[in-house]
C-alpha atoms as a PDB file:
ATOM      1  CA  UNK A   1      25.472  -9.784  14.001  1.00  0.00           C
ATOM      2  CA  UNK A   2      23.669  -9.968  17.322  1.00  0.00           C
ATOM      3  CA  UNK A   3      20.309 -11.336  16.215  1.00  0.00           C
ATOM      4  CA  UNK A   4      18.088 -14.100  17.524  1.00  0.00           C
ATOM      5  CA  UNK A   5      17.009 -14.713  13.914  1.00  0.00           C
ATOM      6  CA  UNK A   6      19.724 -17.197  13.037  1.00  0.00           C
ATOM      7  CA  UNK A   7      19.583 -19.677  10.189  1.00  0.00           C
ATOM      8  CA  UNK A   8      19.536 -23.219  11.531  1.00  0.00           C
ATOM      9  CA  UNK A   9      21.744 -24.405   8.663  1.00  0.00           C
ATOM     10  CA  UNK A  10      24.348 -21.701   7.954  1.00  0.00           C
ATOM     11  CA  UNK A  11      25.003 -23.136   4.496  1.00  0.00           C
ATOM     12  CA  UNK A  12      21.393 -22.287   3.564  1.00  0.00           C
ATOM     13  CA  UNK A  13      21.773 -18.543   4.200  1.00  0.00           C
ATOM     14  CA  UNK A  14      22.359 -17.634   0.535  1.00  0.00           C
ATOM     15  CA  UNK A  15      19.372 -19.695  -0.599  1.00  0.00           C
ATOM     16  CA  UNK A  16      17.158 -18.050   2.034  1.00  0.00           C
ATOM     17  CA  UNK A  17      18.274 -14.596   0.909  1.00  0.00           C
ATOM     18  CA  UNK A  18      17.454 -15.445  -2.722  1.00  0.00           C
ATOM     19  CA  UNK A  19      14.083 -16.850  -1.619  1.00  0.00           C
ATOM     20  CA  UNK A  20      13.324 -13.667   0.341  1.00  0.00           C
ATOM     21  CA  UNK A  21      14.258 -11.447  -2.616  1.00  0.00           C
ATOM     22  CA  UNK A  22      12.067 -13.530  -4.938  1.00  0.00           C
ATOM     23  CA  UNK A  23       9.097 -13.303  -2.560  1.00  0.00           C
ATOM     24  CA  UNK A  24       9.584  -9.547  -2.153  1.00  0.00           C
ATOM     25  CA  UNK A  25       9.680  -9.086  -5.906  1.00  0.00           C
ATOM     26  CA  UNK A  26       6.418 -11.053  -6.267  1.00  0.00           C
ATOM     27  CA  UNK A  27       4.564  -8.775  -3.830  1.00  0.00           C
ATOM     28  CA  UNK A  28       6.147  -5.572  -5.149  1.00  0.00           C
ATOM     29  CA  UNK A  29       8.402  -4.754  -2.209  1.00  0.00           C
ATOM     30  CA  UNK A  30      11.798  -3.339  -3.110  1.00  0.00           C
ATOM     31  CA  UNK A  31      14.372  -5.020  -0.846  1.00  0.00           C
ATOM     32  CA  UNK A  32      18.010  -4.069  -0.868  1.00  0.00           C
ATOM     33  CA  UNK A  33      20.961  -6.195   0.176  1.00  0.00           C
ATOM     34  CA  UNK A  34      21.627  -5.899   3.883  1.00  0.00           C
ATOM     35  CA  UNK A  35      19.541  -3.890   6.321  1.00  0.00           C
ATOM     36  CA  UNK A  36      15.932  -3.145   5.367  1.00  0.00           C
ATOM     37  CA  UNK A  37      14.767  -1.429   8.537  1.00  0.00           C
ATOM     38  CA  UNK A  38      13.032   1.278   6.538  1.00  0.00           C
ATOM     39  CA  UNK A  39      10.268  -1.135   5.459  1.00  0.00           C
ATOM     40  CA  UNK A  40       6.824  -0.664   6.892  1.00  0.00           C
ATOM     41  CA  UNK A  41       5.306  -3.469   8.958  1.00  0.00           C
ATOM     42  CA  UNK A  42       2.871  -4.086   6.118  1.00  0.00           C
ATOM     43  CA  UNK A  43       5.704  -4.488   3.587  1.00  0.00           C
ATOM     44  CA  UNK A  44       7.733  -6.784   5.830  1.00  0.00           C
ATOM     45  CA  UNK A  45       4.637  -8.820   6.638  1.00  0.00           C
ATOM     46  CA  UNK A  46       3.718  -9.210   2.997  1.00  0.00           C
ATOM     47  CA  UNK A  47       7.186 -10.558   2.208  1.00  0.00           C
ATOM     48  CA  UNK A  48       7.059 -13.009   5.116  1.00  0.00           C
ATOM     49  CA  UNK A  49       3.521 -14.030   4.216  1.00  0.00           C
ATOM     50  CA  UNK A  50       4.500 -14.684   0.613  1.00  0.00           C
ATOM     51  CA  UNK A  51       7.428 -16.820   1.784  1.00  0.00           C
ATOM     52  CA  UNK A  52       5.102 -18.892   3.977  1.00  0.00           C
ATOM     53  CA  UNK A  53       2.582 -19.333   1.126  1.00  0.00           C
ATOM     54  CA  UNK A  54       5.349 -20.566  -1.174  1.00  0.00           C
ATOM     55  CA  UNK A  55       6.700 -22.968   1.472  1.00  0.00           C
ATOM     56  CA  UNK A  56       3.230 -24.413   2.108  1.00  0.00           C
ATOM     57  CA  UNK A  57       2.590 -24.800  -1.620  1.00  0.00           C
ATOM     58  CA  UNK A  58       5.935 -26.557  -2.066  1.00  0.00           C
ATOM     59  CA  UNK A  59       5.212 -28.896   0.841  1.00  0.00           C
ATOM     60  CA  UNK A  60       1.727 -29.714  -0.436  1.00  0.00           C
ATOM     61  CA  UNK A  61       3.094 -30.475  -3.896  1.00  0.00           C
ATOM     62  CA  UNK A  62       5.716 -32.773  -2.431  1.00  0.00           C
ATOM     63  CA  UNK A  63       2.961 -34.717  -0.625  1.00  0.00           C
ATOM     64  CA  UNK A  64       1.205 -35.640  -3.910  1.00  0.00           C
END
């Protein structure tokens, strides 16, 4: 894998993949295991956006 998108904590890779699949499912994007280069920019952006929303919500809840 020759990507600049590397997980800072390699042990977290499986959890991040599960999180990504969960977010994709919530916004109705069908991800498959491995390469998803056939996604449109809109689909990929909606998955990433959903992940960010969930991370912000989790952080805000932890601050209460």
